[in-house]
Protein backbone atom coordinates (compact mmCIF):
# COMPACT_ATOMS: atom_id res chain seq x y z
CA UNK A 1 116.82 85.57 79.23
CA UNK A 2 119.35 87.25 76.67
CA UNK A 3 118.28 86.99 72.95
CA UNK A 4 121.73 85.33 72.14
CA UNK A 5 120.76 82.46 74.34
CA UNK A 6 122.43 79.85 76.45
CA UNK A 7 125.59 77.75 75.69
CA UNK A 8 125.22 73.96 76.17
CA UNK A 9 128.35 71.92 76.23
CA UNK A 10 128.20 68.08 76.27
CA UNK A 11 131.42 66.20 76.99
CA UNK A 12 132.28 62.49 77.25
CA UNK A 13 131.22 61.64 80.65
CA UNK A 14 128.55 59.26 80.95
CA UNK A 15 125.00 60.79 80.88
CA UNK A 16 124.80 62.22 77.52
CA UNK A 17 121.09 62.17 77.84
CA UNK A 18 121.19 64.99 80.35
CA UNK A 19 122.44 67.33 77.67
CA UNK A 20 120.23 66.11 74.87
CA UNK A 21 117.13 66.51 76.91
CA UNK A 22 118.27 70.02 78.07
CA UNK A 23 118.43 70.86 74.45
CA UNK A 24 114.97 69.32 73.67
CA UNK A 25 113.48 71.42 76.69
CA UNK A 26 115.31 74.56 75.70
CA UNK A 27 113.92 74.34 72.25
CA UNK A 28 110.31 73.87 73.43
CA UNK A 29 110.83 76.75 75.66
CA UNK A 30 112.24 78.74 72.68
CA UNK A 31 115.47 79.63 74.26
CA UNK A 32 118.28 79.88 71.64
CA UNK A 33 121.17 77.56 72.14
CA UNK A 34 124.72 77.41 71.31
CA UNK A 35 125.87 73.85 71.35
CA UNK A 36 129.58 72.68 71.74
CA UNK A 37 129.86 68.86 71.60
CA UNK A 38 133.40 67.34 72.55
CA UNK A 39 134.67 64.26 70.46
CA UNK A 40 134.02 61.88 73.23
CA UNK A 41 130.54 63.71 73.76
CA UNK A 42 129.71 62.58 70.24
CA UNK A 43 130.87 59.10 71.09
CA UNK A 44 129.04 58.87 74.27
CA UNK A 45 125.89 59.97 72.64
CA UNK A 46 126.11 57.17 70.16
CA UNK A 47 126.75 54.56 72.88
CA UNK A 48 124.12 55.94 75.38
CA UNK A 49 121.26 57.08 73.51
CA UNK A 50 118.88 56.40 70.33
CA UNK A 51 119.91 59.94 68.90
CA UNK A 52 122.38 60.50 66.24
CA UNK A 53 124.96 63.40 66.49
CA UNK A 54 123.07 65.02 63.59
CA UNK A 55 119.78 64.68 65.43
CA UNK A 56 121.45 66.45 68.55
CA UNK A 57 122.86 69.11 66.38
CA UNK A 58 119.29 69.99 64.87
CA UNK A 59 118.16 70.43 68.64
CA UNK A 60 120.37 73.42 68.78
CA UNK A 61 120.01 76.86 67.44
CA UNK A 62 123.72 77.04 66.58
CA UNK A 63 126.34 74.38 66.67
CA UNK A 64 130.03 75.55 67.52
CA UNK A 65 133.13 73.74 66.69
CA UNK A 66 134.96 72.08 69.47
CA UNK A 67 138.39 73.33 68.33
CA UNK A 68 137.12 76.65 66.92
CA UNK A 69 138.83 79.22 69.36
CA UNK A 70 137.90 81.84 66.81
CA UNK A 71 134.08 81.44 67.54
CA UNK A 72 132.03 84.21 68.98
CA UNK A 73 131.74 82.36 72.20
CA UNK A 74 135.47 82.78 72.87
CA UNK A 75 134.99 86.59 73.50
CA UNK A 76 133.40 88.10 76.43
CA UNK A 77 132.02 90.89 74.18
CA UNK A 78 129.65 88.27 72.86
CA UNK A 79 126.53 88.28 75.26
CA UNK A 80 125.00 85.03 76.35
CA UNK A 81 122.80 84.04 79.32
CA UNK A 82 125.25 81.71 80.74
CA UNK A 83 126.47 78.13 80.25
CA UNK A 84 125.66 74.55 81.19
CA UNK A 85 127.97 71.71 80.70
CA UNK A 86 125.84 68.46 80.85
CA UNK A 87 127.35 66.15 81.45
CA UNK A 88 130.49 67.46 82.65
CA UNK A 89 133.66 65.14 82.66
CA UNK A 90 136.33 65.50 85.59
CA UNK A 91 138.73 66.31 82.75
CA UNK A 92 136.65 69.34 81.91
CA UNK A 93 136.12 70.37 85.41
CA UNK A 94 139.75 70.37 85.91
CA UNK A 95 140.52 72.35 82.70
CA UNK A 96 137.91 74.97 83.81
CA UNK A 97 139.19 75.19 87.32
CA UNK A 98 142.73 76.08 86.08
CA UNK A 99 141.64 78.15 83.27
CA UNK A 100 143.42 75.91 80.58
CA UNK A 101 140.93 77.08 77.92
CA UNK A 102 142.36 74.62 75.18
CA UNK A 103 139.02 73.89 73.63
CA UNK A 104 135.75 75.80 73.14
CA UNK A 105 133.88 74.41 75.98
CA UNK A 106 136.70 75.19 78.47
CA UNK A 107 137.07 78.75 76.86
CA UNK A 108 133.33 79.48 76.84
CA UNK A 109 133.33 78.45 80.63
CA UNK A 110 136.33 80.67 81.20
CA UNK A 111 134.53 83.40 79.55
CA UNK A 112 131.46 82.90 81.86
CA UNK A 113 133.57 83.04 84.79
CA UNK A 114 135.33 86.27 83.97
CA UNK A 115 132.23 88.02 82.91
CA UNK A 116 130.42 86.87 86.01
CA UNK A 117 127.64 84.84 83.96
CA UNK A 118 125.98 81.72 85.20
CA UNK A 119 127.93 78.46 84.67
CA UNK A 120 126.34 75.20 85.69
CA UNK A 121 128.47 72.04 85.73
CA UNK A 122 126.46 68.65 85.77
CA UNK A 123 129.35 66.78 87.02
CA UNK A 124 129.34 62.80 86.31
CA UNK A 125 131.65 60.78 88.43
CA UNK A 126 131.45 58.37 91.29
CA UNK A 127 133.15 57.70 93.65
CA UNK A 128 134.88 61.12 93.87
CA UNK A 129 138.62 61.37 94.90
CA UNK A 130 140.32 64.25 96.59
CA UNK A 131 141.20 65.99 93.16
CA UNK A 132 137.66 65.94 91.93
CA UNK A 133 136.32 67.36 95.40
CA UNK A 134 139.04 69.87 95.55
CA UNK A 135 138.33 71.10 91.89
CA UNK A 136 134.66 71.32 92.53
CA UNK A 137 135.10 73.25 95.92
CA UNK A 138 137.40 75.74 94.20
CA UNK A 139 134.86 76.22 91.28
CA UNK A 140 132.04 76.68 93.77
CA UNK A 141 133.93 79.49 95.59
CA UNK A 142 134.09 81.34 92.16
CA UNK A 143 130.34 81.09 92.05
CA UNK A 144 129.96 78.06 89.85
CA UNK A 145 126.92 75.96 90.38
CA UNK A 146 128.14 72.31 90.97
CA UNK A 147 125.22 70.16 90.13
CA UNK A 148 125.70 66.31 90.36
CA UNK A 149 122.61 64.73 88.78
CA UNK A 150 121.29 63.16 91.77
CA UNK A 151 117.74 61.68 91.41
CA UNK A 152 114.99 62.61 93.39
CA UNK A 153 112.61 59.92 94.76
CA UNK A 154 109.91 61.75 96.54
CA UNK A 155 108.02 62.25 93.08
CA UNK A 156 108.16 58.44 92.82
CA UNK A 157 109.49 58.27 89.17
CA UNK A 158 108.78 55.05 87.29
CA UNK A 159 110.82 55.73 84.21
CA UNK A 160 114.27 56.79 83.52
CA UNK A 161 112.63 59.68 81.38
CA UNK A 162 111.04 60.92 84.55
CA UNK A 163 114.37 60.83 86.35
CA UNK A 164 116.22 62.88 83.52
CA UNK A 165 113.11 65.35 83.34
CA UNK A 166 113.45 66.15 87.06
CA UNK A 167 117.26 66.74 86.79
CA UNK A 168 116.72 68.88 83.64
CA UNK A 169 114.12 71.05 85.36
CA UNK A 170 116.30 71.62 88.33
CA UNK A 171 119.05 72.73 86.01
CA UNK A 172 116.59 75.20 84.29
CA UNK A 173 115.74 76.75 87.74
CA UNK A 174 119.36 77.38 88.30
CA UNK A 175 119.18 79.62 85.23
CA UNK A 176 115.98 81.29 86.23
CA UNK A 177 114.17 79.52 83.34
CA UNK A 178 110.91 78.38 84.57
CA UNK A 179 109.62 75.59 82.82
CA UNK A 180 106.21 74.14 83.37
CA UNK A 181 106.28 71.05 85.76
CA UNK A 182 104.11 69.31 88.34
CA UNK A 183 106.93 67.35 90.45
CA UNK A 184 107.86 70.11 92.75
CA UNK A 185 107.71 69.05 96.37
CA UNK A 186 104.36 70.18 97.82
CA UNK A 187 104.52 68.71 101.24
CA UNK A 188 102.14 65.88 100.55
CA UNK A 189 103.36 62.26 101.13
CA UNK A 190 102.45 60.08 98.14
CA UNK A 191 100.83 56.68 98.63
CA UNK A 192 99.94 57.29 102.38
CA UNK A 193 98.01 59.25 104.71
CA UNK A 194 99.46 62.72 105.27
CA UNK A 195 99.13 62.42 108.94
CA UNK A 196 101.37 59.36 109.18
CA UNK A 197 103.77 59.15 111.98
CA UNK A 198 107.08 60.14 110.09
CA UNK A 199 110.32 60.07 112.13
CA UNK A 200 113.84 60.89 111.15
């Protein structure tokens, strides 16, 4: 992991808790972070979570201005370990795909692409239309990790926190950040004999 850390973008799509929890885990793991919050990301945090915007800011090592196109993150010469946008709105997805770079989240993602750094987009929308799918396909061809936060049930989550924890851990896996966890699939069927007749 680069000492300059990881960029975390939070946009206005539903699912702000994914970005917030990611910041919490990265802080626990002592991974430096650069946070970029969109205006609608701030609004969504207030709507969907018990966190204030200031509390989310305090989870990050550095907070960058959404419209600060002169920030260090705008330059490829500023080294980072990559970038995660969680959640990633379809507007942000489209802007990244066409290289619009009209705000710091889109510009930082553009830099990640041109510098061949890791870029993970936790895309949040359903159902998906053809535009969404085409944008995701084109970005995937460029090496971007398209990561819809699809919950897992083999670990039998009983709380929303457990669902979010699982997604956060899987995102960290994509960045080669190994966080301690006990919910990896181990081949054991829970709540039944392991020699049960299981068919497709």
